[in-house]
Amino acid sequence: MSWMLVAAVLLATAGLLVLGVLAIRLWLDVRALAKGVDTAARALASAAEDLADAVPGRA
């Protein structure tokens, strides 16, 4: 009966390790996505400013 307890603890530990690895991968992907969104937002803001400057008669 004690081997079942050891197996259950090992299985739970392995599950937690897998969840931890997946959480770290998700965090890294979210950071990369946030960096991409920031870059795109800055490019859009710059383009909008250039467009506003190009329109004659607008101050």
C-alpha atoms as a PDB file:
ATOM      1  CA  MET A   1       0.000   0.000   0.000  1.00  0.00           C
ATOM      2  CA  SER A   2       2.889   2.399   0.638  1.00  0.00           C
ATOM      3  CA  TRP A   3       4.051   2.105  -2.988  1.00  0.00           C
ATOM      4  CA  MET A   4       0.701   3.570  -4.080  1.00  0.00           C
ATOM      5  CA  LEU A   5       1.288   6.556  -1.843  1.00  0.00           C
ATOM      6  CA  VAL A   6       4.785   7.039  -3.270  1.00  0.00           C
ATOM      7  CA  ALA A   7       3.430   6.731  -6.817  1.00  0.00           C
ATOM      8  CA  ALA A   8       0.697   9.276  -6.082  1.00  0.00           C
ATOM      9  CA  VAL A   9       3.212  11.751  -4.650  1.00  0.00           C
ATOM     10  CA  LEU A  10       5.558  11.278  -7.617  1.00  0.00           C
ATOM     11  CA  LEU A  11       2.703  11.722 -10.069  1.00  0.00           C
ATOM     12  CA  ALA A  12       1.518  14.883  -8.309  1.00  0.00           C
ATOM     13  CA  THR A  13       5.066  16.257  -8.268  1.00  0.00           C
ATOM     14  CA  ALA A  14       5.515  15.536 -11.968  1.00  0.00           C
ATOM     15  CA  GLY A  15       2.193  17.234 -12.699  1.00  0.00           C
ATOM     16  CA  LEU A  16       3.211  20.329 -10.777  1.00  0.00           C
ATOM     17  CA  LEU A  17       6.540  20.453 -12.603  1.00  0.00           C
ATOM     18  CA  VAL A  18       4.776  20.238 -15.973  1.00  0.00           C
ATOM     19  CA  LEU A  19       2.378  23.014 -14.954  1.00  0.00           C
ATOM     20  CA  GLY A  20       5.303  25.145 -13.828  1.00  0.00           C
ATOM     21  CA  VAL A  21       7.111  24.713 -17.136  1.00  0.00           C
ATOM     22  CA  LEU A  22       3.954  25.575 -19.055  1.00  0.00           C
ATOM     23  CA  ALA A  23       3.407  28.669 -16.905  1.00  0.00           C
ATOM     24  CA  ILE A  24       6.940  29.881 -17.584  1.00  0.00           C
ATOM     25  CA  ARG A  25       6.528  29.336 -21.337  1.00  0.00           C
ATOM     26  CA  LEU A  26       3.217  31.221 -21.254  1.00  0.00           C
ATOM     27  CA  TRP A  27       4.814  34.112 -19.353  1.00  0.00           C
ATOM     28  CA  LEU A  28       7.632  34.351 -21.912  1.00  0.00           C
ATOM     29  CA  ASP A  29       5.151  34.301 -24.805  1.00  0.00           C
ATOM     30  CA  VAL A  30       3.042  37.008 -23.176  1.00  0.00           C
ATOM     31  CA  ARG A  31       6.147  39.167 -22.708  1.00  0.00           C
ATOM     32  CA  ALA A  32       7.060  38.749 -26.376  1.00  0.00           C
ATOM     33  CA  LEU A  33       3.500  39.559 -27.448  1.00  0.00           C
ATOM     34  CA  ALA A  34       3.404  42.654 -25.238  1.00  0.00           C
ATOM     35  CA  LYS A  35       6.681  43.836 -26.758  1.00  0.00           C
ATOM     36  CA  GLY A  36       5.244  43.363 -30.259  1.00  0.00           C
ATOM     37  CA  VAL A  37       2.050  45.213 -29.378  1.00  0.00           C
ATOM     38  CA  ASP A  38       4.073  48.087 -27.924  1.00  0.00           C
ATOM     39  CA  THR A  39       6.180  48.321 -31.076  1.00  0.00           C
ATOM     40  CA  ALA A  40       3.081  48.310 -33.287  1.00  0.00           C
ATOM     41  CA  ALA A  41       1.349  50.945 -31.156  1.00  0.00           C
ATOM     42  CA  ARG A  42       4.381  53.226 -31.353  1.00  0.00           C
ATOM     43  CA  ALA A  43       4.541  52.760 -35.138  1.00  0.00           C
ATOM     44  CA  LEU A  44       0.833  53.560 -35.471  1.00  0.00           C
ATOM     45  CA  ALA A  45       1.165  56.665 -33.311  1.00  0.00           C
ATOM     46  CA  SER A  46       4.112  57.851 -35.375  1.00  0.00           C
ATOM     47  CA  ALA A  47       2.244  57.212 -38.621  1.00  0.00           C
ATOM     48  CA  ALA A  48      -0.814  59.060 -37.338  1.00  0.00           C
ATOM     49  CA  GLU A  49       1.346  62.020 -36.366  1.00  0.00           C
ATOM     50  CA  ASP A  50       2.998  62.046 -39.797  1.00  0.00           C
ATOM     51  CA  LEU A  51      -0.411  61.889 -41.458  1.00  0.00           C
ATOM     52  CA  ALA A  52      -1.731  64.739 -39.335  1.00  0.00           C
ATOM     53  CA  ASP A  53       1.309  66.818 -40.217  1.00  0.00           C
ATOM     54  CA  ALA A  54       0.805  66.108 -43.946  1.00  0.00           C
ATOM     55  CA  VAL A  55      -2.793  67.366 -44.045  1.00  0.00           C
ATOM     56  CA  PRO A  56      -2.808  71.005 -45.190  1.00  0.00           C
ATOM     57  CA  GLY A  57      -4.789  73.554 -43.203  1.00  0.00           C
ATOM     58  CA  ARG A  58      -4.859  71.556 -39.969  1.00  0.00           C
ATOM     59  CA  ALA A  59      -3.121  72.828 -36.907  1.00  0.00           C
END
